[in-house]
Amino acid sequence: MTNTSKPTVLHILPTLATGGAERALAKLVRTSDDVHHEVCVLFPIPTGDHIVFDEMTQAKIPIHCLGITQPIRQWTQALRDIRKLLRTRKITVVITYLTLADMLGRFAVRKTDIPVICWLRSTLREWKYLPLTLANGCTARMVDAFFTVSPVCVAVYKRFFGVKNHQVYTIPNGVDASFFSHHPNRRTATRTHFNIPSDAFVFSYTAVMRPRKGHETLLHAFHEVAKTHPHAHLWLIGDGPLCPSLEERIRSLNLTQVHILGRQADVPTLLDASDAFVFPSEYEGMSNALIEALAMGLPTVSTNIPENVEVTKNAALLVPPTRPDDMAQAMRTLLDDRTLYNEYAKRATQRGAAFALQRTTSLFETAIKDVLARRPCS
């Protein structure tokens, strides 16, 4: 590779479903002009969830789908397919996401001069994830560099698996410019569309409806809030396997001010029409939803898990996870104390500016160049 040519990066990840890693990657590849990007997806493209796929397709990013349905049985074939991509697409760097892709990427580049980078996006702190962490850690020596969204995510690999400081590059998720602007007319139109009164106070939460995202905690907290603040409303943006049970919980608690909006492509418009953001998640890496809410300047109530503290600093009201009473009290504080509300809106805007997508892209491209300089392609 000459000094003037652009490196070609192959991103290997299990799926293009609308998750945190997938959304972050879609934003990055659309804005990174100094690198050629290609994507290798292990599993079939999900039907009914084409948001990330469509974004990458519109950006003209080549997508190679291996169509794996049985990872163990198809392991050898997947390795052959990835190695063929490395040759035919003239790949100069491989970046992997999540354990299955990490393992395949590491073995695929063996006996080549292609550096492999593992992008760590979560801590996998639960016991059920211990085998995955061990598999990743025990093969860490095969990795040239670790990209991480937060120092919290890579700490366990430094402590137990010998990852060195010079191998680690911190590249936080980035926020698209659309989250930094407000449009009063858009706010009014959005509320009208969803039949929300103009004087209502709207809390929002954006997340896949799955375990450990804290939806149940939030519903119980809002149930308490609604008793004293009938003008408060809650938007749940997203869907997932827990959606039916959450709908049943909403009915059983008679929460007429809670609205499940489903998966939405235009999240900035919904946040712009909101008054505050609530983030009850019990487990994160670096949440796109959280940094987007901060960028929009929304006063935020968040759980105080280490990953969220790293993101919010002093820009959010922090409460313990799975504690609906504490969450309800923090939500009431934003409703009742206008001075504090304005202060946290200011803090959110200031903190959100640290996650501008241009900065993320610059850090990424600089890191790629540095990795290649340490181990140049032949």
Protein backbone atom coordinates (compact mmCIF):
# COMPACT_ATOMS: atom_id res chain seq x y z
CA MET A 1 0.00 0.00 0.00
CA THR A 2 1.43 3.39 -0.96
CA ASN A 3 1.24 6.44 1.29
CA THR A 4 -1.33 8.08 -0.96
CA SER A 5 -3.75 5.18 -1.41
CA LYS A 6 -6.79 4.72 0.77
CA PRO A 7 -6.91 1.61 2.94
CA THR A 8 -9.81 -0.77 2.38
CA VAL A 9 -11.39 -1.85 5.65
CA LEU A 10 -13.56 -4.96 5.91
CA HIS A 11 -15.98 -4.72 8.83
CA ILE A 12 -17.12 -8.19 9.96
CA LEU A 13 -20.20 -8.36 12.15
CA PRO A 14 -22.93 -10.92 12.82
CA THR A 15 -25.96 -8.96 11.66
CA LEU A 16 -27.27 -5.67 10.31
CA ALA A 17 -30.27 -5.55 12.63
CA THR A 18 -30.86 -2.14 14.19
CA GLY A 19 -28.56 -2.39 17.20
CA GLY A 20 -26.02 -0.07 18.77
CA ALA A 21 -22.93 -1.36 16.95
CA GLU A 22 -24.75 -1.51 13.63
CA ARG A 23 -26.13 2.02 13.93
CA ALA A 24 -22.74 3.42 14.94
CA LEU A 25 -21.06 1.69 12.00
CA ALA A 26 -23.66 2.99 9.54
CA LYS A 27 -22.95 6.55 10.63
CA LEU A 28 -19.20 6.07 10.47
CA VAL A 29 -19.00 4.58 6.98
CA ARG A 30 -21.15 7.40 5.58
CA THR A 31 -18.77 10.08 6.81
CA SER A 32 -15.31 8.51 6.57
CA ASP A 33 -13.87 9.70 3.26
CA ASP A 34 -10.23 8.70 3.79
CA VAL A 35 -11.04 4.99 4.01
CA HIS A 36 -12.80 2.57 1.67
CA HIS A 37 -15.35 0.54 3.62
CA GLU A 38 -16.82 -2.87 2.93
CA VAL A 39 -19.09 -4.89 5.23
CA CYS A 40 -19.22 -8.65 5.74
CA VAL A 41 -22.39 -9.86 7.49
CA LEU A 42 -22.37 -13.40 8.87
CA PHE A 43 -26.11 -14.01 9.25
CA PRO A 44 -28.91 -13.37 6.73
CA ILE A 45 -30.17 -9.79 6.46
CA PRO A 46 -33.17 -9.59 8.84
CA THR A 47 -36.54 -9.30 7.18
CA GLY A 48 -38.57 -6.35 8.39
CA ASP A 49 -35.52 -4.51 9.75
CA HIS A 50 -33.70 -2.86 6.87
CA ILE A 51 -32.89 0.53 8.41
CA VAL A 52 -29.13 -0.03 8.74
CA PHE A 53 -28.93 -2.07 5.53
CA ASP A 54 -30.70 0.67 3.59
CA GLU A 55 -28.46 3.39 5.04
CA MET A 56 -25.34 1.52 3.97
CA THR A 57 -26.77 0.68 0.56
CA GLN A 58 -27.65 4.32 -0.05
CA ALA A 59 -24.08 5.24 0.86
CA LYS A 60 -22.90 2.67 -1.75
CA ILE A 61 -21.05 0.55 0.80
CA PRO A 62 -20.45 -2.98 -0.57
CA ILE A 63 -22.20 -5.53 1.64
CA HIS A 64 -21.24 -9.21 1.52
CA CYS A 65 -23.73 -11.51 3.27
CA LEU A 66 -22.47 -15.02 4.08
CA GLY A 67 -25.95 -16.26 5.03
CA ILE A 68 -24.80 -18.38 7.98
CA THR A 69 -27.61 -20.16 9.80
CA GLN A 70 -25.60 -22.75 11.77
CA PRO A 71 -22.35 -21.10 12.98
CA ILE A 72 -20.64 -24.24 14.29
CA ARG A 73 -21.35 -26.41 11.24
CA GLN A 74 -20.60 -23.61 8.79
CA TRP A 75 -17.46 -22.36 10.54
CA THR A 76 -15.04 -23.74 7.93
CA GLN A 77 -17.10 -22.43 5.03
CA ALA A 78 -17.33 -19.02 6.66
CA LEU A 79 -13.55 -18.91 7.04
CA ARG A 80 -13.12 -19.78 3.37
CA ASP A 81 -15.61 -17.10 2.32
CA ILE A 82 -13.92 -14.42 4.41
CA ARG A 83 -10.46 -15.37 3.13
CA LYS A 84 -11.76 -15.13 -0.40
CA LEU A 85 -13.03 -11.61 0.33
CA LEU A 86 -9.64 -10.66 1.72
CA ARG A 87 -8.00 -11.70 -1.56
CA THR A 88 -10.51 -10.57 -4.14
CA ARG A 89 -11.43 -7.25 -2.52
CA LYS A 90 -7.80 -6.39 -1.68
CA ILE A 91 -8.58 -5.78 1.98
CA THR A 92 -5.90 -3.97 3.99
CA VAL A 93 -7.52 -3.94 7.45
CA VAL A 94 -10.12 -6.15 9.16
CA ILE A 95 -12.31 -4.87 11.99
CA THR A 96 -14.52 -7.30 13.91
CA TYR A 97 -17.55 -6.80 16.14
CA LEU A 98 -18.84 -9.26 18.77
CA THR A 99 -17.40 -12.65 19.64
CA LEU A 100 -18.32 -14.83 16.65
CA ALA A 101 -17.06 -12.24 14.19
CA ASP A 102 -13.98 -11.68 16.39
CA MET A 103 -13.03 -15.36 16.23
CA LEU A 104 -13.62 -15.69 12.49
CA GLY A 105 -11.70 -12.52 11.72
CA ARG A 106 -8.69 -13.52 13.78
CA PHE A 107 -8.34 -16.94 12.17
CA ALA A 108 -9.13 -15.62 8.68
CA VAL A 109 -6.13 -13.25 8.65
CA ARG A 110 -3.64 -15.82 9.91
CA LYS A 111 -0.59 -16.14 7.65
CA THR A 112 -1.39 -12.79 6.03
CA ASP A 113 -0.02 -9.29 6.57
CA ILE A 114 -3.51 -7.93 7.19
CA PRO A 115 -3.92 -6.38 10.66
CA VAL A 116 -7.05 -7.30 12.58
CA ILE A 117 -8.77 -4.90 14.96
CA CYS A 118 -11.34 -5.86 17.58
CA TRP A 119 -13.90 -3.14 18.27
CA LEU A 120 -15.07 -3.56 21.87
CA ARG A 121 -18.47 -1.99 22.52
CA SER A 122 -19.55 -3.55 25.81
CA THR A 123 -18.13 -5.09 28.95
CA LEU A 124 -20.10 -8.38 28.93
CA ARG A 125 -20.18 -8.23 32.74
CA GLU A 126 -22.90 -10.85 33.21
CA TRP A 127 -21.86 -14.39 34.17
CA LYS A 128 -23.65 -15.89 31.17
CA TYR A 129 -21.23 -14.01 28.93
CA LEU A 130 -18.12 -15.34 30.70
CA PRO A 131 -17.37 -17.98 28.00
CA LEU A 132 -17.50 -15.27 25.33
CA THR A 133 -15.19 -13.00 27.31
CA LEU A 134 -12.75 -15.87 27.88
CA ALA A 135 -12.77 -16.81 24.19
CA ASN A 136 -12.09 -13.21 23.24
CA GLY A 137 -9.47 -12.71 25.91
CA CYS A 138 -7.57 -15.93 25.29
CA THR A 139 -7.14 -15.07 21.60
CA ALA A 140 -6.37 -11.39 22.25
CA ARG A 141 -2.74 -11.99 21.32
CA MET A 142 -3.90 -12.51 17.72
CA VAL A 143 -5.23 -8.94 17.60
CA ASP A 144 -3.17 -5.98 16.43
CA ALA A 145 -5.31 -3.30 18.05
CA PHE A 146 -8.45 -2.78 20.10
CA PHE A 147 -10.83 0.03 19.30
CA THR A 148 -13.19 0.82 22.15
CA VAL A 149 -16.05 3.24 22.67
CA SER A 150 -15.09 3.71 26.33
CA PRO A 151 -12.12 2.86 28.58
CA VAL A 152 -14.62 0.95 30.76
CA CYS A 153 -15.12 -1.61 27.99
CA VAL A 154 -11.46 -2.55 27.57
CA ALA A 155 -10.43 -2.55 31.26
CA VAL A 156 -11.02 -6.29 31.76
CA TYR A 157 -8.85 -7.13 28.73
CA LYS A 158 -6.01 -5.01 30.07
CA ARG A 159 -6.27 -6.53 33.53
CA PHE A 160 -6.62 -10.21 32.70
CA PHE A 161 -5.53 -10.79 29.11
CA GLY A 162 -2.39 -8.73 28.66
CA VAL A 163 -3.74 -6.05 26.31
CA LYS A 164 -1.25 -3.17 26.28
CA ASN A 165 -2.03 0.54 26.34
CA HIS A 166 -0.42 1.11 22.95
CA GLN A 167 -2.90 -1.35 21.40
CA VAL A 168 -5.96 0.57 22.58
CA TYR A 169 -7.66 3.41 20.73
CA THR A 170 -10.69 5.08 22.32
CA ILE A 171 -13.18 6.12 19.64
CA PRO A 172 -16.55 7.12 21.08
CA ASN A 173 -19.77 6.77 19.14
CA GLY A 174 -20.65 9.86 17.13
CA VAL A 175 -23.82 11.87 16.78
CA ASP A 176 -25.11 13.00 13.41
CA ALA A 177 -25.54 16.74 12.92
CA SER A 178 -29.33 16.33 12.75
CA PHE A 179 -29.36 15.84 16.54
CA PHE A 180 -27.85 19.28 17.17
CA SER A 181 -30.68 21.36 15.68
CA HIS A 182 -34.16 22.29 16.87
CA HIS A 183 -37.21 23.14 14.75
CA PRO A 184 -40.30 24.51 16.55
CA ASN A 185 -42.56 23.73 13.60
CA ARG A 186 -41.31 20.15 13.50
CA ARG A 187 -41.99 19.78 17.22
CA THR A 188 -45.57 20.99 16.81
CA ALA A 189 -46.22 18.78 13.79
CA THR A 190 -44.82 15.69 15.50
CA ARG A 191 -46.94 16.16 18.60
CA THR A 192 -50.01 16.69 16.46
CA HIS A 193 -49.25 13.50 14.53
CA PHE A 194 -49.13 11.46 17.75
CA ASN A 195 -52.07 13.26 19.38
CA ILE A 196 -49.96 14.77 22.16
CA PRO A 197 -51.20 18.09 23.63
CA SER A 198 -48.90 21.05 23.06
CA ASP A 199 -48.62 21.67 26.81
CA ALA A 200 -47.80 18.04 27.70
CA PHE A 201 -44.43 17.14 29.19
CA VAL A 202 -43.02 14.27 27.12
CA PHE A 203 -40.36 11.86 28.38
CA SER A 204 -38.75 9.66 25.70
CA TYR A 205 -36.79 6.41 25.79
CA THR A 206 -35.17 4.85 22.72
CA ALA A 207 -34.13 1.20 23.02
CA VAL A 208 -34.71 -2.31 21.74
CA MET A 209 -37.33 -3.94 23.96
CA ARG A 210 -35.31 -6.78 25.42
CA PRO A 211 -34.16 -7.86 28.89
CA ARG A 212 -31.85 -5.56 30.85
CA LYS A 213 -33.01 -2.45 28.99
CA GLY A 214 -35.09 -1.43 32.00
CA HIS A 215 -38.49 -0.92 30.39
CA GLU A 216 -40.32 -2.53 33.31
CA THR A 217 -38.54 -0.26 35.78
CA LEU A 218 -39.44 2.76 33.70
CA LEU A 219 -43.11 1.80 33.46
CA HIS A 220 -43.39 1.40 37.23
CA ALA A 221 -41.58 4.71 37.72
CA PHE A 222 -43.87 6.50 35.28
CA HIS A 223 -46.89 4.95 36.98
CA GLU A 224 -45.90 6.87 40.12
CA VAL A 225 -45.13 10.06 38.20
CA ALA A 226 -48.49 10.02 36.39
CA LYS A 227 -50.38 9.99 39.71
CA THR A 228 -49.24 13.53 40.49
CA HIS A 229 -48.48 14.82 36.99
CA PRO A 230 -51.36 13.96 34.64
CA HIS A 231 -49.89 16.13 31.88
CA ALA A 232 -46.79 13.88 31.66
CA HIS A 233 -46.46 11.47 28.73
CA LEU A 234 -43.93 8.77 27.87
CA TRP A 235 -42.79 7.75 24.39
CA LEU A 236 -41.19 4.31 24.06
CA ILE A 237 -39.30 4.32 20.76
CA GLY A 238 -38.30 0.89 19.45
CA ASP A 239 -39.57 -2.65 19.43
CA GLY A 240 -38.31 -6.10 20.31
CA PRO A 241 -39.20 -9.43 21.93
CA LEU A 242 -40.57 -7.83 25.11
CA CYS A 243 -43.03 -5.59 23.28
CA PRO A 244 -46.13 -7.80 23.88
CA SER A 245 -45.43 -8.12 27.61
CA LEU A 246 -44.82 -4.38 27.90
CA GLU A 247 -48.10 -3.66 26.15
CA GLU A 248 -49.83 -5.92 28.65
CA ARG A 249 -48.10 -4.16 31.55
CA ILE A 250 -49.21 -0.78 30.21
CA ARG A 251 -52.80 -2.01 30.07
CA SER A 252 -52.68 -3.54 33.55
CA LEU A 253 -51.37 -0.28 35.05
CA ASN A 254 -53.83 1.77 32.99
CA LEU A 255 -51.01 3.94 31.68
CA THR A 256 -52.95 5.85 29.04
CA GLN A 257 -50.15 8.40 28.71
CA VAL A 258 -47.58 5.79 27.65
CA HIS A 259 -47.21 5.41 23.89
CA ILE A 260 -45.23 2.67 22.14
CA LEU A 261 -44.09 4.24 18.87
CA GLY A 262 -42.27 1.19 17.49
CA ARG A 263 -39.10 1.29 15.44
CA GLN A 264 -38.57 4.75 13.97
CA ALA A 265 -36.10 5.88 11.33
CA ASP A 266 -36.38 9.59 12.20
CA VAL A 267 -35.34 9.62 15.86
CA PRO A 268 -34.11 13.26 15.83
CA THR A 269 -37.63 14.48 15.06
CA LEU A 270 -39.07 12.53 17.99
CA LEU A 271 -36.41 13.76 20.40
CA ASP A 272 -36.95 17.32 19.20
CA ALA A 273 -40.61 16.97 20.17
CA SER A 274 -39.70 15.61 23.63
CA ASP A 275 -39.02 17.51 26.85
CA ALA A 276 -36.74 15.04 28.64
CA PHE A 277 -35.07 11.66 28.20
CA VAL A 278 -35.09 8.67 30.54
CA PHE A 279 -32.50 5.91 30.29
CA PRO A 280 -33.22 2.97 32.65
CA SER A 281 -30.86 0.46 31.03
CA GLU A 282 -29.03 -1.98 33.30
CA TYR A 283 -26.33 -2.90 30.78
CA GLU A 284 -24.57 -0.88 28.06
CA GLY A 285 -21.39 -0.26 26.15
CA MET A 286 -21.77 3.29 24.91
CA SER A 287 -25.39 4.00 24.15
CA ASN A 288 -26.16 5.82 20.91
CA ALA A 289 -29.56 6.71 22.33
CA LEU A 290 -28.03 8.37 25.38
CA ILE A 291 -25.51 10.50 23.51
CA GLU A 292 -28.17 11.48 20.96
CA ALA A 293 -30.45 12.71 23.74
CA LEU A 294 -27.61 14.74 25.23
CA ALA A 295 -26.77 16.21 21.83
CA MET A 296 -30.41 17.27 21.48
CA GLY A 297 -30.07 19.09 24.79
CA LEU A 298 -32.64 16.98 26.61
CA PRO A 299 -32.45 16.94 30.41
CA THR A 300 -31.80 13.28 31.18
CA VAL A 301 -32.42 10.76 33.92
CA SER A 302 -30.03 7.82 33.56
CA THR A 303 -28.97 4.74 35.48
CA ASN A 304 -25.59 5.10 37.16
CA ILE A 305 -23.87 2.04 35.68
CA PRO A 306 -20.19 2.81 34.91
CA GLU A 307 -20.72 3.01 31.15
CA ASN A 308 -23.45 5.63 31.50
CA VAL A 309 -21.49 7.65 34.06
CA GLU A 310 -18.60 7.75 31.57
CA VAL A 311 -20.94 9.16 28.93
CA THR A 312 -22.95 11.64 30.97
CA LYS A 313 -20.31 12.95 33.41
CA ASN A 314 -22.33 15.58 35.32
CA ALA A 315 -24.89 16.13 32.56
CA ALA A 316 -27.66 13.82 33.85
CA LEU A 317 -29.58 12.95 36.99
CA LEU A 318 -28.20 9.52 37.95
CA VAL A 319 -30.16 6.79 39.75
CA PRO A 320 -29.44 3.12 40.54
CA PRO A 321 -30.80 0.57 38.05
CA THR A 322 -33.95 -1.41 38.87
CA ARG A 323 -35.05 1.25 41.39
CA PRO A 324 -38.36 2.68 40.08
CA ASP A 325 -38.92 4.88 43.14
CA ASP A 326 -35.59 6.64 42.65
CA MET A 327 -36.24 7.03 38.95
CA ALA A 328 -39.71 8.43 39.59
CA GLN A 329 -38.28 10.99 42.01
CA ALA A 330 -35.71 12.15 39.46
CA MET A 331 -38.40 12.45 36.79
CA ARG A 332 -40.57 14.49 39.16
CA THR A 333 -37.60 16.77 39.83
CA LEU A 334 -37.40 17.67 36.14
CA LEU A 335 -41.15 18.26 36.07
CA ASP A 336 -41.27 20.46 39.17
CA ASP A 337 -37.99 22.40 39.23
CA ARG A 338 -37.72 24.60 36.14
CA THR A 339 -34.39 26.08 37.20
CA LEU A 340 -32.83 22.63 37.56
CA TYR A 341 -34.48 21.53 34.31
CA ASN A 342 -32.82 24.42 32.45
CA GLU A 343 -29.47 23.68 34.09
CA TYR A 344 -29.53 20.05 32.95
CA ALA A 345 -30.61 21.09 29.45
CA LYS A 346 -27.52 23.31 29.30
CA ARG A 347 -25.27 20.55 30.63
CA ALA A 348 -26.68 18.05 28.14
CA THR A 349 -25.97 20.37 25.20
CA GLN A 350 -22.41 20.96 26.36
CA ARG A 351 -21.72 17.27 26.95
CA GLY A 352 -23.39 16.22 23.70
CA ALA A 353 -20.99 18.40 21.71
CA ALA A 354 -18.17 16.02 22.69
CA PHE A 355 -19.76 13.32 20.53
CA ALA A 356 -19.88 15.16 17.22
CA LEU A 357 -19.62 12.63 14.40
CA GLN A 358 -16.82 14.56 12.71
CA ARG A 359 -14.61 14.00 15.75
CA THR A 360 -15.41 10.27 15.82
CA THR A 361 -14.56 9.97 12.12
CA SER A 362 -11.27 11.83 12.57
CA LEU A 363 -10.25 9.61 15.50
CA PHE A 364 -11.14 6.49 13.49
CA GLU A 365 -9.17 7.46 10.40
CA THR A 366 -6.14 8.48 12.47
CA ALA A 367 -6.24 5.17 14.33
CA ILE A 368 -6.41 3.17 11.09
CA LYS A 369 -3.35 4.98 9.77
CA ASP A 370 -1.49 4.34 13.00
CA VAL A 371 -2.31 0.63 13.01
CA LEU A 372 -1.11 0.32 9.42
CA ALA A 373 2.07 2.23 10.22
CA ARG A 374 2.81 -0.23 13.01
CA ARG A 375 2.19 -3.23 10.76
CA PRO A 376 2.21 -2.12 7.10
CA CYS A 377 0.56 -4.27 4.48
CA SER A 378 2.87 -5.96 2.01
